[in-house]
Amino acid sequence: MRVCLALIELSLLASALGCQQPPRDKPAPPTQPTAATELTRALVPRPASRFYEQAGKQRQAHPRLPDTGEWRCAESERTVWCAGGEAAAGVVSGPLDRGYRCAARWGQNTGERVCVDQQPDYPGEGYRCRFEQERGVARVCEPATAAAGPALPGGALPACWLDRDCPSGRCDRGACTCKQAQQCSRGSCQNGFCSEVKP
């Protein structure tokens, strides 16, 4: 009789175990944004806004800038260069926009940076743009009749905003022109511009 009862108990136990469902993983609770993630998101350079037509011109109210610092920018021969980069009061500058190359400004303006973008945004082919900086920074583009001049060499070192920043006395689209290596505070003179030394 005991053997029969033991066999019945074992069969009941086996059937009970066979019907059990495997434990399910509980979904992870949604993560709450932390101050660090919110700060990182706030420091990323804002995306550029679209161009829209205004008074027969194409306007970009929020162009790409090097980072979240304070910048003044200009454009010539399809190259944008910006100087400054100081963070606004109480704001930490974010990461650099990938389209810009930056270096410290030469001359008397220590603390500033110069950044160059050789592939800025345009509303289409055949436009020439300029910056308006009365209320924030905006770009205004008009159809261009003349073709753009030669491109700035790819390795040209961003270093100047004004001609007096350069030993040669000539700043072209954020890079100092040169005729001799002595006219370059850093880098070397290549193709008429102070250029980055390749590692």
Protein backbone atom coordinates (compact mmCIF):
# COMPACT_ATOMS: atom_id res chain seq x y z
CA MET A 1 0.00 0.00 0.00
CA ARG A 2 2.85 2.40 0.88
CA VAL A 3 4.47 1.74 -2.49
CA CYS A 4 1.22 2.58 -4.26
CA LEU A 5 0.82 5.82 -2.30
CA ALA A 6 4.43 6.81 -3.03
CA LEU A 7 3.90 6.15 -6.76
CA ILE A 8 0.70 8.22 -6.78
CA GLU A 9 2.47 11.10 -5.00
CA LEU A 10 5.34 10.95 -7.50
CA SER A 11 2.98 10.95 -10.48
CA LEU A 12 1.02 13.91 -9.02
CA LEU A 13 4.27 15.78 -8.39
CA ALA A 14 5.55 15.09 -11.92
CA SER A 15 2.30 16.23 -13.50
CA ALA A 16 2.30 19.37 -11.37
CA LEU A 17 5.85 20.18 -12.38
CA GLY A 18 5.11 19.45 -16.03
CA CYS A 19 2.31 22.03 -16.10
CA GLN A 20 4.33 24.81 -14.60
CA GLN A 21 5.09 27.71 -16.92
CA PRO A 22 8.68 28.87 -17.16
CA PRO A 23 9.21 32.16 -15.32
CA ARG A 24 8.71 35.17 -17.56
CA ASP A 25 11.16 38.02 -17.58
CA LYS A 26 9.47 41.17 -16.39
CA PRO A 27 9.89 44.08 -18.80
CA ALA A 28 12.36 46.61 -17.52
CA PRO A 29 10.71 49.75 -16.22
CA PRO A 30 11.09 52.73 -18.56
CA THR A 31 14.22 54.68 -17.80
CA GLN A 32 13.71 58.16 -16.50
CA PRO A 33 15.85 60.88 -18.07
CA THR A 34 18.62 61.94 -15.74
CA ALA A 35 20.15 65.37 -15.42
CA ALA A 36 23.28 64.07 -17.19
CA THR A 37 21.35 62.75 -20.22
CA GLU A 38 19.30 65.94 -20.46
CA LEU A 39 22.48 68.06 -20.29
CA THR A 40 24.13 65.96 -23.01
CA ARG A 41 21.06 66.36 -25.23
CA ALA A 42 20.98 70.13 -24.63
CA LEU A 43 24.65 70.54 -25.56
CA VAL A 44 24.37 68.88 -28.98
CA PRO A 45 24.43 71.55 -31.71
CA ARG A 46 20.92 72.26 -32.89
CA PRO A 47 20.05 70.96 -36.33
CA ALA A 48 19.85 73.54 -39.09
CA SER A 49 16.40 74.76 -40.04
CA ARG A 50 15.06 74.55 -43.58
CA PHE A 51 15.30 77.38 -46.08
CA TYR A 52 12.15 79.36 -46.78
CA GLU A 53 11.42 82.13 -49.24
CA GLN A 54 11.18 85.70 -47.99
CA ALA A 55 11.17 88.79 -50.22
CA GLY A 56 12.49 86.80 -53.19
CA LYS A 57 15.44 85.39 -51.21
CA GLN A 58 16.01 82.07 -49.48
CA ARG A 59 16.40 82.43 -45.72
CA GLN A 60 17.67 79.96 -43.13
CA ALA A 61 16.67 81.18 -39.68
CA HIS A 62 18.90 78.71 -37.82
CA PRO A 63 22.04 77.75 -39.80
CA ARG A 64 24.51 75.14 -38.60
CA LEU A 65 27.08 76.63 -36.23
CA PRO A 66 30.25 75.03 -34.85
CA ASP A 67 28.74 74.40 -31.41
CA THR A 68 26.44 76.04 -28.85
CA GLY A 69 28.88 78.91 -28.14
CA GLU A 70 28.60 82.53 -29.27
CA TRP A 71 29.75 82.89 -32.91
CA ARG A 72 30.07 85.50 -35.64
CA CYS A 73 30.22 84.02 -39.12
CA ALA A 74 30.93 85.00 -42.70
CA GLU A 75 30.85 83.25 -46.06
CA SER A 76 32.89 83.53 -49.24
CA GLU A 77 33.58 81.20 -52.17
CA ARG A 78 31.31 78.47 -50.74
CA THR A 79 33.22 78.37 -47.44
CA VAL A 80 31.79 79.42 -44.07
CA TRP A 81 34.10 80.51 -41.28
CA CYS A 82 33.17 81.51 -37.78
CA ALA A 83 35.12 83.11 -34.95
CA GLY A 84 34.39 83.19 -31.25
CA GLY A 85 33.07 80.13 -29.48
CA GLU A 86 32.75 81.63 -26.02
CA ALA A 87 29.98 79.95 -24.07
CA ALA A 88 27.04 82.13 -23.08
CA ALA A 89 26.88 82.99 -19.38
CA GLY A 90 26.08 79.88 -17.36
CA VAL A 91 26.16 77.58 -20.41
CA VAL A 92 28.69 74.86 -21.18
CA SER A 93 29.67 74.56 -24.86
CA GLY A 94 28.58 71.31 -26.43
CA PRO A 95 30.35 69.00 -28.90
CA LEU A 96 31.57 70.32 -32.23
CA ASP A 97 29.37 70.04 -35.32
CA ARG A 98 31.00 67.41 -37.56
CA GLY A 99 31.03 69.73 -40.59
CA TYR A 100 33.45 72.20 -39.00
CA ARG A 101 37.21 72.11 -38.43
CA CYS A 102 38.45 74.42 -35.67
CA ALA A 103 41.70 75.79 -34.27
CA ALA A 104 42.78 78.57 -31.91
CA ARG A 105 42.73 82.03 -33.45
CA TRP A 106 46.15 83.56 -34.08
CA GLY A 107 47.13 87.10 -33.18
CA GLN A 108 45.94 89.16 -30.23
CA ASN A 109 42.62 87.36 -29.75
CA THR A 110 43.58 84.60 -27.35
CA GLY A 111 40.71 82.46 -26.18
CA GLU A 112 38.82 82.61 -29.47
CA ARG A 113 38.58 79.83 -31.99
CA VAL A 114 38.18 79.93 -35.76
CA CYS A 115 36.09 77.21 -37.40
CA VAL A 116 35.78 76.47 -41.12
CA ASP A 117 32.98 74.59 -42.93
CA GLN A 118 33.83 73.84 -46.54
CA GLN A 119 30.49 72.17 -47.30
CA PRO A 120 27.80 74.49 -45.95
CA ASP A 121 24.10 73.98 -46.63
CA TYR A 122 22.49 75.68 -49.66
CA PRO A 123 18.87 75.91 -50.82
CA GLY A 124 19.97 74.61 -54.24
CA GLU A 125 22.62 75.01 -56.91
CA GLY A 126 23.75 78.48 -57.98
CA TYR A 127 23.22 80.39 -54.72
CA ARG A 128 25.48 82.75 -52.85
CA CYS A 129 24.78 83.30 -49.15
CA ARG A 130 25.65 85.76 -46.43
CA PHE A 131 25.04 85.91 -42.68
CA GLU A 132 22.72 88.31 -40.88
CA GLN A 133 23.52 88.71 -37.21
CA GLU A 134 21.29 91.49 -35.94
CA ARG A 135 18.88 89.19 -34.07
CA GLY A 136 20.63 85.85 -33.69
CA VAL A 137 22.45 84.25 -36.61
CA ALA A 138 20.66 83.63 -39.93
CA ARG A 139 21.72 82.98 -43.53
CA VAL A 140 20.23 84.72 -46.53
CA CYS A 141 20.86 83.28 -50.00
CA GLU A 142 20.34 84.79 -53.46
CA PRO A 143 20.86 83.31 -56.92
CA ALA A 144 24.48 83.83 -57.98
CA THR A 145 25.36 84.91 -61.50
CA ALA A 146 29.12 84.35 -61.26
CA ALA A 147 30.69 80.98 -60.55
CA ALA A 148 32.49 80.52 -57.24
CA GLY A 149 36.25 80.92 -57.22
CA PRO A 150 38.79 78.26 -56.26
CA ALA A 151 38.04 76.20 -53.18
CA LEU A 152 40.00 76.64 -49.99
CA PRO A 153 42.58 73.81 -49.78
CA GLY A 154 41.28 70.96 -47.63
CA GLY A 155 44.14 71.16 -45.12
CA ALA A 156 44.05 74.94 -44.68
CA LEU A 157 44.42 75.64 -40.96
CA PRO A 158 41.56 77.65 -39.42
CA ALA A 159 43.40 80.49 -37.71
CA CYS A 160 42.17 83.99 -38.58
CA TRP A 161 39.17 86.28 -38.69
CA LEU A 162 40.91 89.48 -39.81
CA ASP A 163 43.97 90.21 -41.93
CA ARG A 164 45.90 91.50 -38.92
CA ASP A 165 45.75 87.99 -37.37
CA CYS A 166 48.13 86.69 -40.05
CA PRO A 167 51.89 87.41 -40.25
CA SER A 168 51.42 87.82 -44.03
CA GLY A 169 48.66 90.39 -43.46
CA ARG A 170 46.04 88.42 -45.40
CA CYS A 171 43.29 86.18 -44.03
CA ASP A 172 41.28 84.28 -46.66
CA ARG A 173 38.15 82.41 -45.49
CA GLY A 174 39.55 81.80 -42.02
CA ALA A 175 43.03 80.64 -43.13
CA CYS A 176 46.19 82.72 -43.31
CA THR A 177 47.84 83.03 -46.70
CA CYS A 178 51.60 82.57 -46.85
CA LYS A 179 54.60 82.59 -49.13
CA GLN A 180 57.12 81.18 -46.66
CA ALA A 181 56.96 78.77 -43.73
CA GLN A 182 57.95 81.62 -41.37
CA GLN A 183 54.56 83.23 -42.03
CA CYS A 184 52.79 80.34 -40.29
CA SER A 185 52.62 80.30 -36.50
CA ARG A 186 51.69 76.61 -36.71
CA GLY A 187 51.58 74.08 -39.51
CA SER A 188 53.44 74.71 -42.75
CA CYS A 189 53.02 76.83 -45.85
CA GLN A 190 51.41 74.74 -48.61
CA ASN A 191 49.66 75.92 -51.78
CA GLY A 192 49.75 79.50 -50.49
CA PHE A 193 47.99 78.76 -47.16
CA CYS A 194 49.12 77.83 -43.68
CA SER A 195 48.09 74.19 -43.57
CA GLU A 196 47.79 71.49 -40.96
CA VAL A 197 50.80 69.22 -40.70
CA LYS A 198 49.75 65.67 -41.50
CA PRO A 199 50.80 63.13 -38.85
